[in-house]
């Protein structure tokens, strides 16, 4: 039986996650309502615009549903999704879910025109030490991490990929790389 992974599909860049999961023979489910989480083994919070995603999560009654789901299922947050996973955000318009104890800094790596792709080293031995082509688009920063948060990748000595328990949060977009190693690593928690 194929595993089913939900992708929050209220706003933002979720289609590339659909493509990545499909390539890995994982059944993607677009999540727009709380009841759609029931058959999911995990959830991806994709990139997009964090203030809009925050408002839509509230509007669609997904805030508590995601928090309850995350208590027993893996969640991966990418860019704006990472911001939503934080316990604190440097913008009061965003109400984070508090899934990983850290502070997110919106647009830490600059505005849209400052987007870039660079090779980063993934710290965990599961990644075979090979560089990963990381795309940063209005990318958030990570600061004030609790001691239990594990840093899996850095860019210029700043954390850009972290893990706490079964949850993974990334400043960059692994779904744009064509390299499935990060999704595969996270999916091992299923």
C-alpha atoms as a PDB file:
ATOM      1  CA  UNK A   1       0.000   0.000   0.000  1.00  0.00           C
ATOM      2  CA  UNK A   2       1.333   3.455  -0.934  1.00  0.00           C
ATOM      3  CA  UNK A   3       1.845   6.068   1.753  1.00  0.00           C
ATOM      4  CA  UNK A   4      -0.248   9.222   1.535  1.00  0.00           C
ATOM      5  CA  UNK A   5       1.300  12.622   2.278  1.00  0.00           C
ATOM      6  CA  UNK A   6      -0.740  15.797   2.529  1.00  0.00           C
ATOM      7  CA  UNK A   7       0.390  19.095   1.042  1.00  0.00           C
ATOM      8  CA  UNK A   8      -1.228  22.261   2.355  1.00  0.00           C
ATOM      9  CA  UNK A   9      -2.756  23.758  -0.802  1.00  0.00           C
ATOM     10  CA  UNK A  10      -4.266  27.065   0.307  1.00  0.00           C
ATOM     11  CA  UNK A  11      -1.702  29.303  -1.385  1.00  0.00           C
ATOM     12  CA  UNK A  12       1.825  29.026  -2.629  1.00  0.00           C
ATOM     13  CA  UNK A  13       4.090  26.610  -4.428  1.00  0.00           C
ATOM     14  CA  UNK A  14       2.675  23.179  -3.753  1.00  0.00           C
ATOM     15  CA  UNK A  15       2.654  21.575  -7.232  1.00  0.00           C
ATOM     16  CA  UNK A  16       6.394  20.830  -7.265  1.00  0.00           C
ATOM     17  CA  UNK A  17       5.950  18.908  -3.987  1.00  0.00           C
ATOM     18  CA  UNK A  18       3.185  16.908  -5.690  1.00  0.00           C
ATOM     19  CA  UNK A  19       5.628  16.090  -8.498  1.00  0.00           C
ATOM     20  CA  UNK A  20       8.438  15.129  -6.079  1.00  0.00           C
ATOM     21  CA  UNK A  21       6.208  12.857  -3.990  1.00  0.00           C
ATOM     22  CA  UNK A  22       4.785  11.221  -7.114  1.00  0.00           C
ATOM     23  CA  UNK A  23       8.310  10.525  -8.372  1.00  0.00           C
ATOM     24  CA  UNK A  24       9.009   8.805  -5.037  1.00  0.00           C
ATOM     25  CA  UNK A  25       5.839   6.687  -5.397  1.00  0.00           C
ATOM     26  CA  UNK A  26       4.141   8.522  -2.524  1.00  0.00           C
ATOM     27  CA  UNK A  27       0.492   9.490  -2.997  1.00  0.00           C
ATOM     28  CA  UNK A  28       0.108  13.276  -2.619  1.00  0.00           C
ATOM     29  CA  UNK A  29      -3.138  14.722  -1.242  1.00  0.00           C
ATOM     30  CA  UNK A  30      -3.930  18.436  -1.507  1.00  0.00           C
ATOM     31  CA  UNK A  31      -5.136  19.582   1.914  1.00  0.00           C
ATOM     32  CA  UNK A  32      -7.594  22.467   2.122  1.00  0.00           C
ATOM     33  CA  UNK A  33      -9.907  21.276   4.913  1.00  0.00           C
ATOM     34  CA  UNK A  34      -9.211  19.675   8.322  1.00  0.00           C
ATOM     35  CA  UNK A  35     -10.906  16.385   7.444  1.00  0.00           C
ATOM     36  CA  UNK A  36      -8.435  15.865   4.563  1.00  0.00           C
ATOM     37  CA  UNK A  37      -5.662  15.294   7.123  1.00  0.00           C
ATOM     38  CA  UNK A  38      -7.304  12.100   8.405  1.00  0.00           C
ATOM     39  CA  UNK A  39      -5.836   9.803   5.746  1.00  0.00           C
ATOM     40  CA  UNK A  40      -2.404  11.431   5.644  1.00  0.00           C
ATOM     41  CA  UNK A  41       0.747   9.932   7.118  1.00  0.00           C
ATOM     42  CA  UNK A  42       2.581  13.286   7.005  1.00  0.00           C
ATOM     43  CA  UNK A  43       2.119  16.905   5.895  1.00  0.00           C
ATOM     44  CA  UNK A  44       4.130  19.409   3.851  1.00  0.00           C
ATOM     45  CA  UNK A  45       3.669  23.132   4.480  1.00  0.00           C
ATOM     46  CA  UNK A  46       4.974  24.580   1.179  1.00  0.00           C
ATOM     47  CA  UNK A  47       6.453  27.933   0.297  1.00  0.00           C
ATOM     48  CA  UNK A  48       4.288  30.917  -0.532  1.00  0.00           C
ATOM     49  CA  UNK A  49       3.549  34.130   1.317  1.00  0.00           C
ATOM     50  CA  UNK A  50       3.572  33.550   5.091  1.00  0.00           C
ATOM     51  CA  UNK A  51       1.158  36.324   6.108  1.00  0.00           C
ATOM     52  CA  UNK A  52      -1.386  35.051   3.574  1.00  0.00           C
ATOM     53  CA  UNK A  53      -0.866  31.404   4.571  1.00  0.00           C
ATOM     54  CA  UNK A  54      -1.297  32.343   8.234  1.00  0.00           C
ATOM     55  CA  UNK A  55      -4.615  34.084   7.494  1.00  0.00           C
ATOM     56  CA  UNK A  56      -5.885  31.231   5.306  1.00  0.00           C
ATOM     57  CA  UNK A  57      -4.992  28.569   7.895  1.00  0.00           C
ATOM     58  CA  UNK A  58      -7.204  30.464  10.341  1.00  0.00           C
ATOM     59  CA  UNK A  59      -9.965  31.083   7.772  1.00  0.00           C
ATOM     60  CA  UNK A  60     -10.157  27.394   6.797  1.00  0.00           C
ATOM     61  CA  UNK A  61     -10.117  26.204  10.443  1.00  0.00           C
ATOM     62  CA  UNK A  62      -6.827  24.390   9.915  1.00  0.00           C
ATOM     63  CA  UNK A  63      -4.782  25.971  12.720  1.00  0.00           C
ATOM     64  CA  UNK A  64      -5.759  23.561  15.530  1.00  0.00           C
ATOM     65  CA  UNK A  65      -6.152  20.649  13.110  1.00  0.00           C
ATOM     66  CA  UNK A  66      -2.537  21.012  11.941  1.00  0.00           C
ATOM     67  CA  UNK A  67      -1.250  21.336  15.516  1.00  0.00           C
ATOM     68  CA  UNK A  68      -3.122  18.179  16.561  1.00  0.00           C
ATOM     69  CA  UNK A  69      -1.935  16.338  13.440  1.00  0.00           C
ATOM     70  CA  UNK A  70       1.694  17.389  14.068  1.00  0.00           C
ATOM     71  CA  UNK A  71       1.629  15.928  17.579  1.00  0.00           C
ATOM     72  CA  UNK A  72       1.793  12.434  16.065  1.00  0.00           C
ATOM     73  CA  UNK A  73       2.769  12.901  12.385  1.00  0.00           C
ATOM     74  CA  UNK A  74       5.817  14.331  10.576  1.00  0.00           C
ATOM     75  CA  UNK A  75       5.561  17.843   9.136  1.00  0.00           C
ATOM     76  CA  UNK A  76       7.982  19.471   6.688  1.00  0.00           C
ATOM     77  CA  UNK A  77       7.894  23.244   6.312  1.00  0.00           C
ATOM     78  CA  UNK A  78       9.540  24.909   3.318  1.00  0.00           C
ATOM     79  CA  UNK A  79      10.254  28.657   3.249  1.00  0.00           C
ATOM     80  CA  UNK A  80       6.884  30.196   4.256  1.00  0.00           C
ATOM     81  CA  UNK A  81       5.944  26.757   5.606  1.00  0.00           C
ATOM     82  CA  UNK A  82       9.063  26.889   7.766  1.00  0.00           C
ATOM     83  CA  UNK A  83       7.944  30.266   9.115  1.00  0.00           C
ATOM     84  CA  UNK A  84       4.595  28.717  10.062  1.00  0.00           C
ATOM     85  CA  UNK A  85       6.395  25.952  12.018  1.00  0.00           C
ATOM     86  CA  UNK A  86       8.246  28.404  14.294  1.00  0.00           C
ATOM     87  CA  UNK A  87       7.307  29.318  17.841  1.00  0.00           C
ATOM     88  CA  UNK A  88       8.013  32.991  17.126  1.00  0.00           C
ATOM     89  CA  UNK A  89       8.116  35.129  13.965  1.00  0.00           C
ATOM     90  CA  UNK A  90       9.539  38.627  13.531  1.00  0.00           C
ATOM     91  CA  UNK A  91       6.228  39.770  11.985  1.00  0.00           C
ATOM     92  CA  UNK A  92       3.140  40.027  14.185  1.00  0.00           C
ATOM     93  CA  UNK A  93       0.842  39.380  11.179  1.00  0.00           C
ATOM     94  CA  UNK A  94       1.936  35.725  11.221  1.00  0.00           C
ATOM     95  CA  UNK A  95       0.523  33.395  13.859  1.00  0.00           C
ATOM     96  CA  UNK A  96       2.960  30.474  13.872  1.00  0.00           C
ATOM     97  CA  UNK A  97       1.992  26.898  14.718  1.00  0.00           C
ATOM     98  CA  UNK A  98       4.798  26.388  17.232  1.00  0.00           C
ATOM     99  CA  UNK A  99       5.880  22.977  15.916  1.00  0.00           C
ATOM    100  CA  UNK A 100       9.648  23.540  16.307  1.00  0.00           C
ATOM    101  CA  UNK A 101      11.114  25.810  19.007  1.00  0.00           C
ATOM    102  CA  UNK A 102      12.876  28.572  17.041  1.00  0.00           C
ATOM    103  CA  UNK A 103      12.312  32.114  15.794  1.00  0.00           C
ATOM    104  CA  UNK A 104      11.773  32.701  12.064  1.00  0.00           C
ATOM    105  CA  UNK A 105      12.983  35.864  10.350  1.00  0.00           C
ATOM    106  CA  UNK A 106      10.907  36.706   7.273  1.00  0.00           C
ATOM    107  CA  UNK A 107      12.819  37.660   4.094  1.00  0.00           C
ATOM    108  CA  UNK A 108      16.122  37.245   5.952  1.00  0.00           C
ATOM    109  CA  UNK A 109      18.001  36.581   2.701  1.00  0.00           C
ATOM    110  CA  UNK A 110      16.440  39.506   0.844  1.00  0.00           C
ATOM    111  CA  UNK A 111      13.514  40.299  -1.394  1.00  0.00           C
ATOM    112  CA  UNK A 112      12.403  38.444  -4.546  1.00  0.00           C
ATOM    113  CA  UNK A 113      15.139  40.068  -6.671  1.00  0.00           C
ATOM    114  CA  UNK A 114      17.752  38.663  -4.275  1.00  0.00           C
ATOM    115  CA  UNK A 115      16.717  35.026  -4.890  1.00  0.00           C
ATOM    116  CA  UNK A 116      19.583  32.648  -5.619  1.00  0.00           C
ATOM    117  CA  UNK A 117      20.649  29.013  -5.894  1.00  0.00           C
ATOM    118  CA  UNK A 118      23.774  27.716  -4.204  1.00  0.00           C
ATOM    119  CA  UNK A 119      25.304  24.389  -3.266  1.00  0.00           C
ATOM    120  CA  UNK A 120      25.058  23.635   0.449  1.00  0.00           C
ATOM    121  CA  UNK A 121      26.465  20.735   2.423  1.00  0.00           C
ATOM    122  CA  UNK A 122      23.906  18.600   4.227  1.00  0.00           C
ATOM    123  CA  UNK A 123      25.242  17.647   7.660  1.00  0.00           C
ATOM    124  CA  UNK A 124      23.608  14.285   8.229  1.00  0.00           C
ATOM    125  CA  UNK A 125      25.516  11.219   7.036  1.00  0.00           C
ATOM    126  CA  UNK A 126      22.313  10.015   5.348  1.00  0.00           C
ATOM    127  CA  UNK A 127      22.972  12.600   2.630  1.00  0.00           C
ATOM    128  CA  UNK A 128      26.309  10.985   1.635  1.00  0.00           C
ATOM    129  CA  UNK A 129      28.201  14.266   2.055  1.00  0.00           C
ATOM    130  CA  UNK A 130      27.228  15.475  -1.431  1.00  0.00           C
ATOM    131  CA  UNK A 131      26.309  19.125  -1.927  1.00  0.00           C
ATOM    132  CA  UNK A 132      22.638  19.990  -2.410  1.00  0.00           C
ATOM    133  CA  UNK A 133      21.448  22.626  -4.942  1.00  0.00           C
ATOM    134  CA  UNK A 134      19.440  24.898  -2.627  1.00  0.00           C
ATOM    135  CA  UNK A 135      17.156  27.591  -4.085  1.00  0.00           C
ATOM    136  CA  UNK A 136      16.470  30.553  -1.773  1.00  0.00           C
ATOM    137  CA  UNK A 137      13.452  32.705  -2.725  1.00  0.00           C
ATOM    138  CA  UNK A 138      12.739  35.558  -0.278  1.00  0.00           C
ATOM    139  CA  UNK A 139      14.113  33.022   2.153  1.00  0.00           C
ATOM    140  CA  UNK A 140      13.534  33.214   5.905  1.00  0.00           C
ATOM    141  CA  UNK A 141      16.225  32.926   8.529  1.00  0.00           C
ATOM    142  CA  UNK A 142      16.394  30.712  11.595  1.00  0.00           C
ATOM    143  CA  UNK A 143      17.461  31.964  15.032  1.00  0.00           C
ATOM    144  CA  UNK A 144      16.941  31.371  18.751  1.00  0.00           C
ATOM    145  CA  UNK A 145      16.737  27.575  18.438  1.00  0.00           C
ATOM    146  CA  UNK A 146      16.051  25.424  21.489  1.00  0.00           C
ATOM    147  CA  UNK A 147      18.793  22.907  22.389  1.00  0.00           C
ATOM    148  CA  UNK A 148      16.818  19.936  21.015  1.00  0.00           C
ATOM    149  CA  UNK A 149      16.792  21.408  17.495  1.00  0.00           C
ATOM    150  CA  UNK A 150      19.321  19.706  15.210  1.00  0.00           C
ATOM    151  CA  UNK A 151      20.976  21.736  12.442  1.00  0.00           C
ATOM    152  CA  UNK A 152      21.145  19.708   9.203  1.00  0.00           C
ATOM    153  CA  UNK A 153      22.459  22.409   6.829  1.00  0.00           C
ATOM    154  CA  UNK A 154      23.977  25.885   6.974  1.00  0.00           C
ATOM    155  CA  UNK A 155      24.596  28.682   4.524  1.00  0.00           C
ATOM    156  CA  UNK A 156      27.324  31.180   5.470  1.00  0.00           C
ATOM    157  CA  UNK A 157      27.359  29.743   9.018  1.00  0.00           C
ATOM    158  CA  UNK A 158      23.599  30.240   9.506  1.00  0.00           C
ATOM    159  CA  UNK A 159      21.167  27.347   9.917  1.00  0.00           C
ATOM    160  CA  UNK A 160      18.947  26.850   6.854  1.00  0.00           C
ATOM    161  CA  UNK A 161      17.633  23.334   7.541  1.00  0.00           C
ATOM    162  CA  UNK A 162      16.670  22.107  11.006  1.00  0.00           C
ATOM    163  CA  UNK A 163      15.004  19.105  12.546  1.00  0.00           C
ATOM    164  CA  UNK A 164      13.198  18.519  15.812  1.00  0.00           C
ATOM    165  CA  UNK A 165      11.805  15.069  16.389  1.00  0.00           C
ATOM    166  CA  UNK A 166      10.047  14.025  13.176  1.00  0.00           C
ATOM    167  CA  UNK A 167       9.632  17.604  11.910  1.00  0.00           C
ATOM    168  CA  UNK A 168      11.857  19.255   9.302  1.00  0.00           C
ATOM    169  CA  UNK A 169      12.043  22.971   8.441  1.00  0.00           C
ATOM    170  CA  UNK A 170      13.959  24.537   5.545  1.00  0.00           C
ATOM    171  CA  UNK A 171      14.709  28.106   4.450  1.00  0.00           C
ATOM    172  CA  UNK A 172      15.181  26.922   0.861  1.00  0.00           C
ATOM    173  CA  UNK A 173      13.090  24.976  -1.683  1.00  0.00           C
ATOM    174  CA  UNK A 174      14.239  21.347  -2.127  1.00  0.00           C
ATOM    175  CA  UNK A 175      11.312  20.628  -4.459  1.00  0.00           C
ATOM    176  CA  UNK A 176      12.818  22.931  -7.120  1.00  0.00           C
ATOM    177  CA  UNK A 177      16.141  21.088  -7.290  1.00  0.00           C
ATOM    178  CA  UNK A 178      15.234  17.798  -8.945  1.00  0.00           C
ATOM    179  CA  UNK A 179      17.188  16.190  -6.075  1.00  0.00           C
ATOM    180  CA  UNK A 180      14.856  14.098  -3.891  1.00  0.00           C
ATOM    181  CA  UNK A 181      17.279  13.355  -1.015  1.00  0.00           C
ATOM    182  CA  UNK A 182      15.679  15.764   1.477  1.00  0.00           C
ATOM    183  CA  UNK A 183      12.155  14.490   0.818  1.00  0.00           C
ATOM    184  CA  UNK A 184      13.440  10.904   1.077  1.00  0.00           C
ATOM    185  CA  UNK A 185      15.207  11.657   4.370  1.00  0.00           C
ATOM    186  CA  UNK A 186      12.041  13.183   5.857  1.00  0.00           C
ATOM    187  CA  UNK A 187       9.826  10.379   4.540  1.00  0.00           C
ATOM    188  CA  UNK A 188      11.838   7.822   6.505  1.00  0.00           C
ATOM    189  CA  UNK A 189       9.842   9.023   9.532  1.00  0.00           C
ATOM    190  CA  UNK A 190       6.655   7.504   8.103  1.00  0.00           C
END
